[in-house]
Amino acid sequence: MDKNKLKKIELLLLDVDGVLTDGGIIYTDSGEEIKIFNSRDGLGIRLLQDAGVQVGIVTGRASRVLRHRCKNLRIDLLFDGIVDKSSVLQEICERTDIRPAHIAFVGDDLVDLPLFALIGVSIAVGDAHAVVKQKVDWVTAAFGGSGAVREICDEILKSKGLFDQIVEKMATTGLS
């Protein structure tokens, strides 16, 4: 991955199923949806936000559990239930005042391809669909729901020269 492109990222957009989760969805007998999120991904998101990089969600499925996770992670930029993910890019740019060239998007499947073509850095998780992995700027070593988002957050922070400083701060004072 080109570190100069990562250094310019001001907004990280994430898909959910297959990126923040392993893609599995559990339903209870009463029809409630359960998702498992990786806590290390969550810390990576918080560290990125604390460093001034915005984080948002663009996903095809809407769920209450996702809204709870976004509230926990202080993610206000949430676009769920979006069939055509590229259709919200203009609104995202207007709301954040960030140009597409300074946006990275992480996805895992064919529905993510149109948005990949419009932003600065396209990223697929390690277990993404084979076609998706061929068409992105970077494929993570980690799989979706298993630290891929943390890997991305760490690399963005490293490209900006902030990672070592954050590690030092965490070692002495913890998370703000």
C-alpha atoms as a PDB file:
ATOM      1  CA  MET A   1       0.000   0.000   0.000  1.00  0.00           C
ATOM      2  CA  ASP A   2       1.236   3.473  -0.918  1.00  0.00           C
ATOM      3  CA  LYS A   3       1.912   5.190   2.429  1.00  0.00           C
ATOM      4  CA  ASN A   4       1.601   8.635   0.792  1.00  0.00           C
ATOM      5  CA  LYS A   5      -1.993   7.864  -0.181  1.00  0.00           C
ATOM      6  CA  LEU A   6      -2.766   6.628   3.340  1.00  0.00           C
ATOM      7  CA  LYS A   7      -1.202   9.734   4.853  1.00  0.00           C
ATOM      8  CA  LYS A   8      -3.809  11.883   3.069  1.00  0.00           C
ATOM      9  CA  ILE A   9      -6.803   9.984   4.491  1.00  0.00           C
ATOM     10  CA  GLU A  10      -9.143  12.209   6.510  1.00  0.00           C
ATOM     11  CA  LEU A  11     -12.150   9.867   6.544  1.00  0.00           C
ATOM     12  CA  LEU A  12     -12.306   6.083   6.850  1.00  0.00           C
ATOM     13  CA  LEU A  13     -15.584   4.568   5.660  1.00  0.00           C
ATOM     14  CA  LEU A  14     -16.431   1.014   6.659  1.00  0.00           C
ATOM     15  CA  ASP A  15     -18.841  -1.630   5.483  1.00  0.00           C
ATOM     16  CA  VAL A  16     -20.188  -3.727   8.357  1.00  0.00           C
ATOM     17  CA  ASP A  17     -21.007  -7.361   7.528  1.00  0.00           C
ATOM     18  CA  GLY A  18     -17.755  -8.992   6.496  1.00  0.00           C
ATOM     19  CA  VAL A  19     -15.631  -6.009   7.587  1.00  0.00           C
ATOM     20  CA  LEU A  20     -16.536  -5.069  11.164  1.00  0.00           C
ATOM     21  CA  THR A  21     -17.929  -8.587  11.583  1.00  0.00           C
ATOM     22  CA  ASP A  22     -16.978 -11.938  10.096  1.00  0.00           C
ATOM     23  CA  GLY A  23     -20.107 -11.763   7.948  1.00  0.00           C
ATOM     24  CA  GLY A  24     -22.122 -14.117  10.114  1.00  0.00           C
ATOM     25  CA  ILE A  25     -25.526 -13.053  11.384  1.00  0.00           C
ATOM     26  CA  ILE A  26     -27.209 -14.765  14.312  1.00  0.00           C
ATOM     27  CA  TYR A  27     -30.967 -14.548  14.822  1.00  0.00           C
ATOM     28  CA  THR A  28     -32.659 -15.361  18.109  1.00  0.00           C
ATOM     29  CA  ASP A  29     -35.962 -17.262  18.202  1.00  0.00           C
ATOM     30  CA  SER A  30     -37.718 -13.915  18.656  1.00  0.00           C
ATOM     31  CA  GLY A  31     -36.096 -12.595  15.454  1.00  0.00           C
ATOM     32  CA  GLU A  32     -33.533 -10.316  17.082  1.00  0.00           C
ATOM     33  CA  GLU A  33     -30.262  -9.952  15.216  1.00  0.00           C
ATOM     34  CA  ILE A  34     -26.933 -10.534  16.937  1.00  0.00           C
ATOM     35  CA  LYS A  35     -23.539  -9.522  15.538  1.00  0.00           C
ATOM     36  CA  ILE A  36     -20.095 -10.034  17.000  1.00  0.00           C
ATOM     37  CA  PHE A  37     -17.719  -7.068  16.784  1.00  0.00           C
ATOM     38  CA  ASN A  38     -13.984  -7.196  17.458  1.00  0.00           C
ATOM     39  CA  SER A  39     -12.978  -5.021  20.419  1.00  0.00           C
ATOM     40  CA  ARG A  40      -9.512  -4.390  18.925  1.00  0.00           C
ATOM     41  CA  ASP A  41     -11.167  -2.960  15.818  1.00  0.00           C
ATOM     42  CA  GLY A  42     -13.130  -0.687  18.141  1.00  0.00           C
ATOM     43  CA  LEU A  43      -9.995   0.573  19.865  1.00  0.00           C
ATOM     44  CA  GLY A  44      -8.371   1.208  16.496  1.00  0.00           C
ATOM     45  CA  ILE A  45     -11.380   3.289  15.470  1.00  0.00           C
ATOM     46  CA  ARG A  46     -11.209   5.311  18.686  1.00  0.00           C
ATOM     47  CA  LEU A  47      -7.467   5.918  18.252  1.00  0.00           C
ATOM     48  CA  LEU A  48      -8.017   7.053  14.674  1.00  0.00           C
ATOM     49  CA  GLN A  49     -10.798   9.418  15.759  1.00  0.00           C
ATOM     50  CA  ASP A  50      -8.646  10.816  18.576  1.00  0.00           C
ATOM     51  CA  ALA A  51      -5.951  11.509  15.959  1.00  0.00           C
ATOM     52  CA  GLY A  52      -8.428  13.588  13.937  1.00  0.00           C
ATOM     53  CA  VAL A  53      -9.432  11.062  11.272  1.00  0.00           C
ATOM     54  CA  GLN A  54     -13.189  10.754  10.924  1.00  0.00           C
ATOM     55  CA  VAL A  55     -14.847   7.335  10.699  1.00  0.00           C
ATOM     56  CA  GLY A  56     -18.165   6.503   9.084  1.00  0.00           C
ATOM     57  CA  ILE A  57     -20.293   3.533   8.103  1.00  0.00           C
ATOM     58  CA  VAL A  58     -21.815   2.749   4.698  1.00  0.00           C
ATOM     59  CA  THR A  59     -23.646  -0.567   4.716  1.00  0.00           C
ATOM     60  CA  GLY A  60     -26.430  -2.340   2.919  1.00  0.00           C
ATOM     61  CA  ARG A  61     -28.117  -3.697   6.037  1.00  0.00           C
ATOM     62  CA  ALA A  62     -29.832  -1.705   8.749  1.00  0.00           C
ATOM     63  CA  SER A  63     -29.898  -3.077  12.283  1.00  0.00           C
ATOM     64  CA  ARG A  64     -30.402  -1.852  15.821  1.00  0.00           C
ATOM     65  CA  VAL A  65     -27.262  -3.650  16.975  1.00  0.00           C
ATOM     66  CA  LEU A  66     -25.221  -1.585  14.514  1.00  0.00           C
ATOM     67  CA  ARG A  67     -26.724   1.629  15.872  1.00  0.00           C
ATOM     68  CA  HIS A  68     -25.678   0.570  19.383  1.00  0.00           C
ATOM     69  CA  ARG A  69     -22.122  -0.149  18.202  1.00  0.00           C
ATOM     70  CA  CYS A  70     -21.908   3.207  16.410  1.00  0.00           C
ATOM     71  CA  LYS A  71     -23.088   5.028  19.530  1.00  0.00           C
ATOM     72  CA  ASN A  72     -20.450   3.197  21.585  1.00  0.00           C
ATOM     73  CA  LEU A  73     -17.737   4.174  19.097  1.00  0.00           C
ATOM     74  CA  ARG A  74     -18.960   7.777  18.660  1.00  0.00           C
ATOM     75  CA  ILE A  75     -19.640   7.215  14.957  1.00  0.00           C
ATOM     76  CA  ASP A  76     -22.258   9.737  13.843  1.00  0.00           C
ATOM     77  CA  LEU A  77     -21.701   9.309  10.116  1.00  0.00           C
ATOM     78  CA  LEU A  78     -23.944   6.277   9.572  1.00  0.00           C
ATOM     79  CA  PHE A  79     -25.523   5.294   6.280  1.00  0.00           C
ATOM     80  CA  ASP A  80     -27.301   1.968   6.716  1.00  0.00           C
ATOM     81  CA  GLY A  81     -29.802   0.231   4.473  1.00  0.00           C
ATOM     82  CA  ILE A  82     -27.949   1.627   1.434  1.00  0.00           C
ATOM     83  CA  VAL A  83     -28.318  -0.523  -1.681  1.00  0.00           C
ATOM     84  CA  ASP A  84     -26.081   1.650  -3.902  1.00  0.00           C
ATOM     85  CA  LYS A  85     -23.242   2.703  -1.621  1.00  0.00           C
ATOM     86  CA  SER A  86     -21.774   5.095  -4.178  1.00  0.00           C
ATOM     87  CA  SER A  87     -25.037   7.090  -4.112  1.00  0.00           C
ATOM     88  CA  VAL A  88     -24.225   8.579  -0.686  1.00  0.00           C
ATOM     89  CA  LEU A  89     -20.703   9.791  -1.485  1.00  0.00           C
ATOM     90  CA  GLN A  90     -21.771  13.322  -2.401  1.00  0.00           C
ATOM     91  CA  GLU A  91     -23.750  13.676   0.851  1.00  0.00           C
ATOM     92  CA  ILE A  92     -20.806  12.330   2.834  1.00  0.00           C
ATOM     93  CA  CYS A  93     -18.454  14.851   1.197  1.00  0.00           C
ATOM     94  CA  GLU A  94     -20.884  17.709   1.890  1.00  0.00           C
ATOM     95  CA  ARG A  95     -21.431  16.704   5.534  1.00  0.00           C
ATOM     96  CA  THR A  96     -17.724  16.244   6.272  1.00  0.00           C
ATOM     97  CA  ASP A  97     -16.209  18.801   3.885  1.00  0.00           C
ATOM     98  CA  ILE A  98     -13.786  16.079   2.750  1.00  0.00           C
ATOM     99  CA  ARG A  99     -12.972  15.414  -0.900  1.00  0.00           C
ATOM    100  CA  PRO A 100     -13.240  11.839  -2.259  1.00  0.00           C
ATOM    101  CA  ALA A 101      -9.442  11.693  -2.767  1.00  0.00           C
ATOM    102  CA  HIS A 102      -9.054  11.896   1.025  1.00  0.00           C
ATOM    103  CA  ILE A 103     -11.502   9.092   1.771  1.00  0.00           C
ATOM    104  CA  ALA A 104     -10.719   5.399   2.224  1.00  0.00           C
ATOM    105  CA  PHE A 105     -13.427   2.737   2.076  1.00  0.00           C
ATOM    106  CA  VAL A 106     -13.184  -0.832   3.373  1.00  0.00           C
ATOM    107  CA  GLY A 107     -15.379  -3.508   1.873  1.00  0.00           C
ATOM    108  CA  ASP A 108     -15.537  -7.195   1.160  1.00  0.00           C
ATOM    109  CA  ASP A 109     -17.973  -7.974  -1.640  1.00  0.00           C
ATOM    110  CA  LEU A 110     -19.133  -7.044  -5.118  1.00  0.00           C
ATOM    111  CA  VAL A 111     -21.629  -4.419  -3.900  1.00  0.00           C
ATOM    112  CA  ASP A 112     -18.653  -2.354  -2.708  1.00  0.00           C
ATOM    113  CA  LEU A 113     -17.021  -2.029  -6.145  1.00  0.00           C
ATOM    114  CA  PRO A 114     -18.873   1.138  -7.301  1.00  0.00           C
ATOM    115  CA  LEU A 115     -17.807   3.125  -4.204  1.00  0.00           C
ATOM    116  CA  PHE A 116     -14.223   1.848  -4.481  1.00  0.00           C
ATOM    117  CA  ALA A 117     -13.965   3.461  -7.903  1.00  0.00           C
ATOM    118  CA  LEU A 118     -14.818   6.934  -6.540  1.00  0.00           C
ATOM    119  CA  ILE A 119     -12.586   7.368  -3.489  1.00  0.00           C
ATOM    120  CA  GLY A 120      -8.883   7.831  -2.761  1.00  0.00           C
ATOM    121  CA  VAL A 121      -7.996   4.470  -1.204  1.00  0.00           C
ATOM    122  CA  SER A 122      -9.914   1.231  -1.700  1.00  0.00           C
ATOM    123  CA  ILE A 123      -9.315  -1.534   0.827  1.00  0.00           C
ATOM    124  CA  ALA A 124     -10.555  -5.115   1.014  1.00  0.00           C
ATOM    125  CA  VAL A 125     -10.346  -7.374   4.041  1.00  0.00           C
ATOM    126  CA  GLY A 126      -8.249 -10.536   3.707  1.00  0.00           C
ATOM    127  CA  ASP A 127     -11.235 -12.828   3.189  1.00  0.00           C
ATOM    128  CA  ALA A 128     -13.035 -10.585   0.692  1.00  0.00           C
ATOM    129  CA  HIS A 129     -14.450 -11.922  -2.557  1.00  0.00           C
ATOM    130  CA  ALA A 130     -11.638 -12.770  -5.009  1.00  0.00           C
ATOM    131  CA  VAL A 131     -12.803 -10.225  -7.599  1.00  0.00           C
ATOM    132  CA  VAL A 132     -12.872  -7.471  -4.986  1.00  0.00           C
ATOM    133  CA  LYS A 133      -9.332  -8.278  -3.870  1.00  0.00           C
ATOM    134  CA  GLN A 134      -8.137  -7.870  -7.469  1.00  0.00           C
ATOM    135  CA  LYS A 135      -9.646  -4.387  -7.833  1.00  0.00           C
ATOM    136  CA  VAL A 136      -8.515  -2.592  -4.667  1.00  0.00           C
ATOM    137  CA  ASP A 137      -5.427  -0.646  -3.607  1.00  0.00           C
ATOM    138  CA  TRP A 138      -4.801  -2.811  -0.558  1.00  0.00           C
ATOM    139  CA  VAL A 139      -5.886  -6.179   0.855  1.00  0.00           C
ATOM    140  CA  THR A 140      -5.421  -6.593   4.597  1.00  0.00           C
ATOM    141  CA  ALA A 141      -3.718  -9.632   6.065  1.00  0.00           C
ATOM    142  CA  ALA A 142      -6.479  -9.929   8.686  1.00  0.00           C
ATOM    143  CA  PHE A 143      -9.994 -11.102   7.896  1.00  0.00           C
ATOM    144  CA  GLY A 144     -13.212  -9.190   8.453  1.00  0.00           C
ATOM    145  CA  GLY A 145     -14.268  -9.196  12.108  1.00  0.00           C
ATOM    146  CA  SER A 146     -10.835 -10.495  13.075  1.00  0.00           C
ATOM    147  CA  GLY A 147      -8.707  -7.378  13.272  1.00  0.00           C
ATOM    148  CA  ALA A 148      -8.773  -6.109   9.672  1.00  0.00           C
ATOM    149  CA  VAL A 149     -10.109  -2.708  10.737  1.00  0.00           C
ATOM    150  CA  ARG A 150      -7.473  -2.430  13.457  1.00  0.00           C
ATOM    151  CA  GLU A 151      -4.773  -3.264  10.911  1.00  0.00           C
ATOM    152  CA  ILE A 152      -6.053  -0.438   8.707  1.00  0.00           C
ATOM    153  CA  CYS A 153      -6.307   2.067  11.559  1.00  0.00           C
ATOM    154  CA  ASP A 154      -2.764   1.278  12.694  1.00  0.00           C
ATOM    155  CA  GLU A 155      -1.392   1.682   9.160  1.00  0.00           C
ATOM    156  CA  ILE A 156      -3.139   5.035   8.683  1.00  0.00           C
ATOM    157  CA  LEU A 157      -1.712   6.243  11.996  1.00  0.00           C
ATOM    158  CA  LYS A 158       1.763   4.976  11.034  1.00  0.00           C
ATOM    159  CA  SER A 159       1.584   6.735   7.650  1.00  0.00           C
ATOM    160  CA  LYS A 160       0.791   9.995   9.454  1.00  0.00           C
ATOM    161  CA  GLY A 161       3.714   9.485  11.840  1.00  0.00           C
ATOM    162  CA  LEU A 162       1.376   9.228  14.858  1.00  0.00           C
ATOM    163  CA  PHE A 163       1.487   5.565  15.819  1.00  0.00           C
ATOM    164  CA  ASP A 164       4.576   5.574  18.078  1.00  0.00           C
ATOM    165  CA  GLN A 165       3.301   8.669  19.884  1.00  0.00           C
ATOM    166  CA  ILE A 166      -0.061   6.972  20.489  1.00  0.00           C
ATOM    167  CA  VAL A 167       1.613   3.818  21.791  1.00  0.00           C
ATOM    168  CA  GLU A 168       3.674   5.917  24.213  1.00  0.00           C
ATOM    169  CA  LYS A 169       0.585   7.793  25.401  1.00  0.00           C
ATOM    170  CA  MET A 170      -1.371   4.556  25.845  1.00  0.00           C
ATOM    171  CA  ALA A 171       1.488   3.078  27.859  1.00  0.00           C
ATOM    172  CA  THR A 172       1.388   5.967  30.317  1.00  0.00           C
ATOM    173  CA  THR A 173      -2.156   7.389  30.396  1.00  0.00           C
ATOM    174  CA  GLY A 174      -4.481   5.047  28.506  1.00  0.00           C
ATOM    175  CA  LEU A 175      -7.413   6.042  26.268  1.00  0.00           C
ATOM    176  CA  SER A 176      -8.819   9.549  26.598  1.00  0.00           C
END
